[in-house]
Amino acid sequence: MAITNGYCTLAEVKAALRLTDSTDDTLLENAIEGASRRIDGYTGRWFYKSSSTAIKQYAVDPYKVATTDIATTTVVVKTDNNGDGTFETTWTQGTDYQLEPLDASLTGIPYRSIIAIGGKTFPLISVPKQPLVEVTAYWGWNAVPDDVREAAVLLSIRGFARLNAALGVVGFADMAIQVRAVDPDVRDLLAPYRIIGFA
């Protein structure tokens, strides 16, 4: 099977496990996908670039719309100025709006908000309540951060090893160790990427 939107590769996990055969490749690929989706759930975001999709947004501030992670500057912003459900006004990037944070292209982090500039303002929530801003973008991250990749490797190994740990207990000779619910190393690797209040 092929790994879909995995945060590490089969080769990386096999190298960490010191495996050279392909006997368990399918189980490892399943573990990688499971680990990647678990990271999504824990952090409240995803670290791959989705296809370009339009999402309707609420503006609660006339000068700023908070968004899900935007992977690239290829963005189309439209507004519904009269609340009729038609997004008739297309905004121009650099003239009507800018993406923030401004240093996203240098740091590799995604854009998280759209700021109105040039005297423009976003239409606020209408009555009845409906979104008045439509954003079409590539959502997510352009590349998987190194910390997330390393966390995915550790979680994949854990998921693979868990198949041999009945009831979450791993036995070694005459002792047994209970597997923790959250690996502290994985938690520390993912902490900077977690959206507080989501997960």
Foldseek 3Di string as FASTA:
>chain_A
DDADLFLADLVVLCVVVVHDDCPCVVLLSVLRNVLQVVLCQQQVAHAAWAPWDKDFFADAWFFKTFDAFFADPPKWKFFDQPPPPDRDGTDDEPQQWHFPPPCCVVVQGGTTMIGGDNPGTGDHADVVGDGTMMMIGGGHGHHRDPLSSVLSSVSSVVSSCVVVAPPQWDDDDPDIDHHDPDDVSSCVSSVVSHDPPRD
